[in-house]
N, C-alpha and C. Protein backbone atom coordinates (compact mmCIF):
# COMPACT_ATOMS: atom_id res chain seq x y z
N MET A 1 102.40 96.60 197.81
CA MET A 1 101.73 97.39 196.72
C MET A 1 101.80 96.64 195.40
N ASP A 2 102.90 96.08 195.11
CA ASP A 2 103.03 95.35 193.82
C ASP A 2 102.09 94.19 193.77
N PHE A 3 101.80 93.53 194.89
CA PHE A 3 100.88 92.39 194.96
C PHE A 3 99.50 92.86 194.52
N PHE A 4 99.05 93.96 195.10
CA PHE A 4 97.73 94.51 194.81
C PHE A 4 97.63 94.88 193.35
N LEU A 5 98.65 95.51 192.82
CA LEU A 5 98.61 95.93 191.37
C LEU A 5 98.60 94.64 190.44
N ASN A 6 99.36 93.66 190.86
CA ASN A 6 99.40 92.45 190.04
C ASN A 6 98.03 91.77 190.02
N ILE A 7 97.34 91.79 191.07
CA ILE A 7 95.96 91.20 191.11
C ILE A 7 95.05 91.99 190.12
N LEU A 8 95.08 93.30 190.26
CA LEU A 8 94.19 94.11 189.35
C LEU A 8 94.56 93.98 187.91
N ILE A 9 95.90 93.87 187.57
CA ILE A 9 96.30 93.71 186.21
C ILE A 9 95.87 92.32 185.72
N THR A 10 95.98 91.31 186.54
CA THR A 10 95.64 89.94 186.14
C THR A 10 94.16 89.88 185.84
N LEU A 11 93.35 90.60 186.60
CA LEU A 11 91.90 90.55 186.42
C LEU A 11 91.49 91.42 185.22
N GLY A 12 92.42 92.16 184.72
CA GLY A 12 92.10 93.02 183.60
C GLY A 12 91.31 94.31 183.98
N LEU A 13 91.40 94.70 185.22
CA LEU A 13 90.62 95.81 185.70
C LEU A 13 91.33 97.13 185.41
N ILE A 14 92.63 97.12 185.18
CA ILE A 14 93.36 98.38 184.95
C ILE A 14 94.38 98.22 183.84
N PRO A 15 94.64 99.27 183.13
CA PRO A 15 95.75 99.18 182.18
C PRO A 15 97.04 99.07 182.97
N ALA A 16 97.87 98.20 182.62
CA ALA A 16 99.02 97.84 183.44
C ALA A 16 100.03 99.01 183.55
N LYS A 17 100.42 99.60 182.51
CA LYS A 17 101.56 100.54 182.46
C LYS A 17 101.11 101.92 183.07
N ASP A 18 100.14 102.52 182.49
CA ASP A 18 99.79 103.86 182.83
C ASP A 18 99.32 104.08 184.27
N LEU A 19 98.39 103.25 184.73
CA LEU A 19 97.87 103.39 186.08
C LEU A 19 98.95 103.10 187.13
N SER A 20 99.70 102.05 186.88
CA SER A 20 100.71 101.77 187.89
C SER A 20 101.81 102.83 188.04
N ASP A 21 102.16 103.42 186.84
CA ASP A 21 103.09 104.56 186.91
C ASP A 21 102.51 105.75 187.66
N SER A 22 101.25 106.03 187.41
CA SER A 22 100.55 107.17 188.12
C SER A 22 100.39 106.88 189.60
N MET A 23 100.12 105.57 189.96
CA MET A 23 99.95 105.25 191.38
C MET A 23 101.28 105.28 192.12
N GLN A 24 102.39 105.04 191.48
CA GLN A 24 103.66 105.14 192.11
C GLN A 24 104.00 106.58 192.42
N LYS A 25 103.51 107.50 191.66
CA LYS A 25 103.78 108.92 191.85
C LYS A 25 102.80 109.61 192.85
N SER A 26 101.65 109.08 192.94
CA SER A 26 100.54 109.75 193.71
C SER A 26 100.05 108.87 194.81
N LYS A 27 100.20 109.30 196.03
CA LYS A 27 99.64 108.57 197.23
C LYS A 27 98.11 108.69 197.22
N THR A 28 97.62 109.84 196.78
CA THR A 28 96.17 110.02 196.80
C THR A 28 95.51 109.06 195.80
N LEU A 29 96.03 108.93 194.61
CA LEU A 29 95.50 107.96 193.64
C LEU A 29 95.60 106.55 194.18
N THR A 30 96.68 106.21 194.80
CA THR A 30 96.87 104.88 195.38
C THR A 30 95.75 104.59 196.39
N SER A 31 95.57 105.50 197.26
CA SER A 31 94.54 105.33 198.30
C SER A 31 93.13 105.22 197.71
N MET A 32 92.94 106.04 196.66
CA MET A 32 91.60 106.00 196.06
C MET A 32 91.35 104.67 195.35
N VAL A 33 92.33 104.10 194.72
CA VAL A 33 92.14 102.79 194.06
C VAL A 33 91.92 101.74 195.10
N ILE A 34 92.71 101.76 196.20
CA ILE A 34 92.49 100.75 197.24
C ILE A 34 91.11 100.86 197.87
N VAL A 35 90.69 102.07 198.21
CA VAL A 35 89.36 102.25 198.84
C VAL A 35 88.32 101.86 197.86
N GLY A 36 88.44 102.24 196.56
CA GLY A 36 87.45 101.79 195.56
C GLY A 36 87.31 100.27 195.45
N ALA A 37 88.47 99.59 195.50
CA ALA A 37 88.43 98.11 195.38
C ALA A 37 87.79 97.54 196.64
N LEU A 38 88.03 98.07 197.81
CA LEU A 38 87.40 97.64 199.02
C LEU A 38 85.93 97.81 199.02
N LEU A 39 85.48 99.02 198.54
CA LEU A 39 84.06 99.31 198.47
C LEU A 39 83.37 98.41 197.45
N PHE A 40 84.03 98.15 196.35
CA PHE A 40 83.47 97.23 195.39
C PHE A 40 83.30 95.80 195.94
N GLY A 41 84.30 95.36 196.64
CA GLY A 41 84.25 94.05 197.25
C GLY A 41 83.19 93.97 198.32
N ALA A 42 83.02 95.04 199.10
CA ALA A 42 81.94 95.08 200.09
C ALA A 42 80.54 95.06 199.45
N PHE A 43 80.44 95.76 198.32
CA PHE A 43 79.15 95.76 197.63
C PHE A 43 78.81 94.38 197.08
N VAL A 44 79.81 93.70 196.54
CA VAL A 44 79.57 92.33 196.00
C VAL A 44 79.19 91.41 197.16
N PHE A 45 79.89 91.54 198.31
CA PHE A 45 79.60 90.75 199.50
C PHE A 45 78.11 91.03 199.93
N PHE A 46 77.78 92.30 199.93
CA PHE A 46 76.38 92.66 200.32
C PHE A 46 75.33 92.04 199.40
N LEU A 47 75.63 92.04 198.12
CA LEU A 47 74.70 91.45 197.14
C LEU A 47 74.53 89.97 197.39
N PHE A 48 75.64 89.27 197.60
CA PHE A 48 75.57 87.87 197.90
C PHE A 48 74.82 87.55 199.23
N HIS A 49 75.06 88.39 200.17
CA HIS A 49 74.38 88.30 201.50
C HIS A 49 72.84 88.44 201.34
N MET A 50 72.47 89.48 200.55
CA MET A 50 71.03 89.66 200.36
C MET A 50 70.41 88.58 199.50
N ALA A 51 71.12 88.04 198.56
CA ALA A 51 70.58 87.03 197.69
C ALA A 51 70.48 85.71 198.52
N GLY A 52 71.33 85.56 199.51
CA GLY A 52 71.15 84.33 200.32
C GLY A 52 70.01 84.35 201.25
N LYS A 53 69.43 85.48 201.55
CA LYS A 53 68.30 85.60 202.40
C LYS A 53 67.01 85.25 201.69
N GLN A 54 67.01 85.14 200.40
CA GLN A 54 65.79 84.89 199.63
C GLN A 54 65.42 83.43 199.70
């Protein structure tokens, strides 16, 4: 879990203190952040895939 948070903090995608504290308290928020990051990555992959077909 700390590895995932460190990546997001390094990229500047989340405020370091507040979100990490909330994610440690809430399993639902943690899962939502992980699912959102996966969906965003899949969308970026899809865009690169479609651009490669041109």
